[in-house]
Amino acid sequence: MATDGLKDKEGIVIIRIRNGSIKERRVRVRGKSRIRDILLRAGINPEEVVIIKDEELITEDDFISEGEIIEVLPVSLGG
C-alpha cells in the first residue's frame, strides 16, 4: 500500500472502500482512535466489512493514528 504524501494528510484517516471500484472517505482524528469509531463516523458498519492496514488483516478494536490509511472490503453473505 502506498504511503507517499501522508504528511499532507495529518489529522485525517483515509478509508479506501473496495467494492468493485475504489472509493475514499476521509475522517478527521486526533492521535490514536479505535477503528470501530472511525468506521462508524464514516457511515460504515464495522460488522459488515473486513479491515486491512499495511496489507494485514486487523479488527475493529485495533487503533489507527492520523495520517494512516485503511482499506475495507464489504463482506457478502449469501445463501
N, C-alpha and C. Protein backbone atom coordinates (compact mmCIF):
# COMPACT_ATOMS: atom_id res chain seq x y z
N MET A 1 0.84 -1.16 0.00
CA MET A 1 0.00 0.00 0.00
C MET A 1 0.89 1.23 0.00
N ALA A 2 0.63 2.18 -0.86
CA ALA A 2 1.45 3.38 -0.96
C ALA A 2 1.18 4.31 0.21
N THR A 3 2.26 4.88 0.75
CA THR A 3 2.11 5.83 1.84
C THR A 3 2.74 7.17 1.50
N ASP A 4 3.07 7.39 0.23
CA ASP A 4 3.68 8.65 -0.16
C ASP A 4 2.69 9.79 0.00
N GLY A 5 3.18 10.94 0.43
CA GLY A 5 2.33 12.10 0.57
C GLY A 5 1.49 12.12 1.84
N LEU A 6 1.77 11.25 2.81
CA LEU A 6 0.96 11.21 4.01
C LEU A 6 1.11 12.46 4.86
N LYS A 7 2.22 13.17 4.74
CA LYS A 7 2.41 14.40 5.51
C LYS A 7 1.29 15.39 5.22
N ASP A 8 0.77 15.39 3.99
CA ASP A 8 -0.31 16.29 3.61
C ASP A 8 -1.62 15.90 4.27
N LYS A 9 -1.70 14.72 4.84
CA LYS A 9 -2.97 14.21 5.36
C LYS A 9 -2.96 14.09 6.87
N GLU A 10 -2.05 14.77 7.56
CA GLU A 10 -2.03 14.70 9.01
C GLU A 10 -3.36 15.16 9.57
N GLY A 11 -3.84 14.45 10.59
CA GLY A 11 -5.13 14.75 11.17
C GLY A 11 -6.28 14.02 10.49
N ILE A 12 -5.98 13.27 9.46
CA ILE A 12 -7.01 12.57 8.69
C ILE A 12 -6.64 11.10 8.55
N VAL A 13 -7.64 10.24 8.66
CA VAL A 13 -7.50 8.83 8.33
C VAL A 13 -8.24 8.63 7.01
N ILE A 14 -7.61 7.95 6.09
CA ILE A 14 -8.24 7.67 4.80
C ILE A 14 -8.75 6.24 4.82
N ILE A 15 -10.02 6.09 4.43
CA ILE A 15 -10.64 4.78 4.33
C ILE A 15 -10.88 4.51 2.86
N ARG A 16 -10.25 3.48 2.33
CA ARG A 16 -10.47 3.08 0.94
C ARG A 16 -11.45 1.91 0.94
N ILE A 17 -12.56 2.12 0.27
CA ILE A 17 -13.61 1.10 0.22
C ILE A 17 -13.51 0.39 -1.13
N ARG A 18 -13.23 -0.90 -1.08
CA ARG A 18 -13.10 -1.70 -2.31
C ARG A 18 -14.37 -2.50 -2.51
N ASN A 19 -15.13 -2.08 -3.50
CA ASN A 19 -16.39 -2.78 -3.80
C ASN A 19 -16.59 -2.73 -5.31
N GLY A 20 -15.71 -3.40 -6.03
CA GLY A 20 -15.73 -3.32 -7.50
C GLY A 20 -14.89 -2.15 -7.97
N SER A 21 -15.12 -0.98 -7.41
CA SER A 21 -14.28 0.19 -7.66
C SER A 21 -13.78 0.65 -6.30
N ILE A 22 -12.87 1.61 -6.30
CA ILE A 22 -12.33 2.11 -5.05
C ILE A 22 -12.89 3.49 -4.76
N LYS A 23 -13.49 3.64 -3.59
CA LYS A 23 -13.98 4.93 -3.14
C LYS A 23 -13.18 5.30 -1.89
N GLU A 24 -13.01 6.57 -1.66
CA GLU A 24 -12.29 7.02 -0.47
C GLU A 24 -13.19 7.86 0.41
N ARG A 25 -13.03 7.67 1.70
CA ARG A 25 -13.67 8.54 2.69
C ARG A 25 -12.57 9.01 3.62
N ARG A 26 -12.67 10.25 4.06
CA ARG A 26 -11.68 10.81 4.96
C ARG A 26 -12.36 11.19 6.26
N VAL A 27 -11.71 10.81 7.36
CA VAL A 27 -12.25 11.09 8.68
C VAL A 27 -11.17 11.82 9.48
N ARG A 28 -11.52 12.95 10.08
CA ARG A 28 -10.58 13.69 10.91
C ARG A 28 -10.42 13.00 12.27
N VAL A 29 -9.18 12.85 12.71
CA VAL A 29 -8.88 12.24 14.01
C VAL A 29 -7.79 13.03 14.70
N ARG A 30 -7.71 12.84 16.00
CA ARG A 30 -6.61 13.40 16.79
C ARG A 30 -5.94 12.25 17.51
N GLY A 31 -4.67 12.08 17.27
CA GLY A 31 -3.94 10.99 17.91
C GLY A 31 -4.45 9.64 17.46
N LYS A 32 -4.48 8.68 18.40
CA LYS A 32 -4.96 7.33 18.08
C LYS A 32 -6.46 7.24 18.31
N SER A 33 -7.13 6.52 17.41
CA SER A 33 -8.57 6.29 17.52
C SER A 33 -8.86 4.83 17.22
N ARG A 34 -9.90 4.32 17.85
CA ARG A 34 -10.31 2.94 17.59
C ARG A 34 -10.94 2.87 16.20
N ILE A 35 -10.58 1.86 15.45
CA ILE A 35 -11.07 1.72 14.08
C ILE A 35 -12.59 1.64 14.04
N ARG A 36 -13.19 0.97 14.98
CA ARG A 36 -14.66 0.88 15.02
C ARG A 36 -15.28 2.28 15.03
N ASP A 37 -14.75 3.17 15.86
CA ASP A 37 -15.28 4.53 15.96
C ASP A 37 -15.10 5.31 14.66
N ILE A 38 -13.96 5.13 14.01
CA ILE A 38 -13.71 5.82 12.75
C ILE A 38 -14.67 5.33 11.67
N LEU A 39 -14.87 4.02 11.59
CA LEU A 39 -15.79 3.48 10.58
C LEU A 39 -17.21 3.98 10.81
N LEU A 40 -17.64 3.99 12.05
CA LEU A 40 -19.00 4.47 12.35
C LEU A 40 -19.15 5.94 11.97
N ARG A 41 -18.14 6.75 12.23
CA ARG A 41 -18.19 8.16 11.85
C ARG A 41 -18.25 8.32 10.34
N ALA A 42 -17.70 7.36 9.60
CA ALA A 42 -17.73 7.41 8.13
C ALA A 42 -19.00 6.77 7.56
N GLY A 43 -19.88 6.29 8.44
CA GLY A 43 -21.12 5.68 7.98
C GLY A 43 -20.96 4.24 7.53
N ILE A 44 -19.92 3.58 8.02
CA ILE A 44 -19.64 2.19 7.64
C ILE A 44 -19.86 1.30 8.85
N ASN A 45 -20.67 0.24 8.70
CA ASN A 45 -20.91 -0.70 9.77
C ASN A 45 -19.69 -1.63 9.88
N PRO A 46 -18.95 -1.57 10.99
CA PRO A 46 -17.73 -2.38 11.11
C PRO A 46 -17.97 -3.88 11.10
N GLU A 47 -19.21 -4.29 11.34
CA GLU A 47 -19.52 -5.72 11.33
C GLU A 47 -19.79 -6.24 9.93
N GLU A 48 -19.81 -5.35 8.94
CA GLU A 48 -20.11 -5.75 7.57
C GLU A 48 -18.91 -5.63 6.64
N VAL A 49 -17.72 -5.41 7.22
CA VAL A 49 -16.52 -5.25 6.39
C VAL A 49 -15.34 -6.02 6.98
N VAL A 50 -14.38 -6.31 6.11
CA VAL A 50 -13.08 -6.82 6.51
C VAL A 50 -12.14 -5.63 6.43
N ILE A 51 -11.28 -5.46 7.44
CA ILE A 51 -10.43 -4.28 7.53
C ILE A 51 -8.97 -4.68 7.32
N ILE A 52 -8.29 -3.92 6.46
CA ILE A 52 -6.89 -4.20 6.13
C ILE A 52 -6.07 -2.93 6.35
N LYS A 53 -4.93 -3.09 7.01
CA LYS A 53 -3.99 -1.98 7.19
C LYS A 53 -2.59 -2.52 6.92
N ASP A 54 -1.86 -1.84 6.08
CA ASP A 54 -0.50 -2.27 5.72
C ASP A 54 -0.48 -3.73 5.26
N GLU A 55 -1.48 -4.10 4.46
CA GLU A 55 -1.61 -5.43 3.88
C GLU A 55 -1.82 -6.54 4.90
N GLU A 56 -2.25 -6.17 6.12
CA GLU A 56 -2.55 -7.16 7.15
C GLU A 56 -3.99 -6.99 7.62
N LEU A 57 -4.63 -8.11 7.88
CA LEU A 57 -5.99 -8.11 8.40
C LEU A 57 -5.97 -7.63 9.85
N ILE A 58 -6.85 -6.68 10.18
CA ILE A 58 -6.94 -6.17 11.55
C ILE A 58 -8.40 -6.19 11.99
N THR A 59 -8.65 -5.92 13.26
CA THR A 59 -10.01 -5.93 13.77
C THR A 59 -10.50 -4.52 14.05
N GLU A 60 -11.78 -4.40 14.25
CA GLU A 60 -12.39 -3.10 14.54
C GLU A 60 -11.94 -2.56 15.90
N ASP A 61 -11.36 -3.41 16.74
CA ASP A 61 -10.89 -2.98 18.06
C ASP A 61 -9.46 -2.47 18.04
N ASP A 62 -8.77 -2.60 16.89
CA ASP A 62 -7.41 -2.06 16.77
C ASP A 62 -7.48 -0.53 16.69
N PHE A 63 -6.33 0.09 16.83
CA PHE A 63 -6.25 1.54 16.79
C PHE A 63 -5.50 2.01 15.56
N ILE A 64 -5.79 3.21 15.14
CA ILE A 64 -5.14 3.82 13.98
C ILE A 64 -4.85 5.27 14.34
N SER A 65 -3.78 5.80 13.77
CA SER A 65 -3.38 7.18 14.04
C SER A 65 -3.61 8.05 12.82
N GLU A 66 -3.63 9.34 13.06
CA GLU A 66 -3.81 10.29 11.97
C GLU A 66 -2.74 10.08 10.91
N GLY A 67 -3.12 10.28 9.67
CA GLY A 67 -2.20 10.11 8.55
C GLY A 67 -2.13 8.70 8.00
N GLU A 68 -2.83 7.75 8.62
CA GLU A 68 -2.78 6.36 8.16
C GLU A 68 -3.94 6.06 7.22
N ILE A 69 -3.78 4.95 6.50
CA ILE A 69 -4.78 4.51 5.52
C ILE A 69 -5.22 3.10 5.88
N ILE A 70 -6.55 2.88 5.84
CA ILE A 70 -7.06 1.51 5.97
C ILE A 70 -7.91 1.22 4.73
N GLU A 71 -8.02 -0.05 4.43
CA GLU A 71 -8.88 -0.49 3.34
C GLU A 71 -9.98 -1.35 3.93
N VAL A 72 -11.19 -1.21 3.40
CA VAL A 72 -12.28 -2.06 3.85
C VAL A 72 -12.89 -2.77 2.65
N LEU A 73 -13.20 -4.03 2.86
CA LEU A 73 -13.85 -4.84 1.84
C LEU A 73 -15.18 -5.30 2.39
N PRO A 74 -16.27 -4.92 1.75
CA PRO A 74 -17.59 -5.38 2.22
C PRO A 74 -17.69 -6.90 2.19
N VAL A 75 -18.29 -7.45 3.24
CA VAL A 75 -18.49 -8.89 3.33
C VAL A 75 -19.83 -9.22 2.68
N SER A 76 -19.82 -10.18 1.77
CA SER A 76 -21.05 -10.60 1.10
C SER A 76 -21.54 -11.88 1.73
N LEU A 77 -22.76 -11.85 2.18
CA LEU A 77 -23.38 -13.04 2.74
C LEU A 77 -24.44 -13.52 1.77
N GLY A 78 -24.47 -14.78 1.57
CA GLY A 78 -25.46 -15.31 0.62
C GLY A 78 -25.90 -16.69 1.04
N GLY A 79 -26.90 -17.14 0.39
CA GLY A 79 -27.37 -18.44 0.75
C GLY A 79 -28.04 -19.12 -0.40
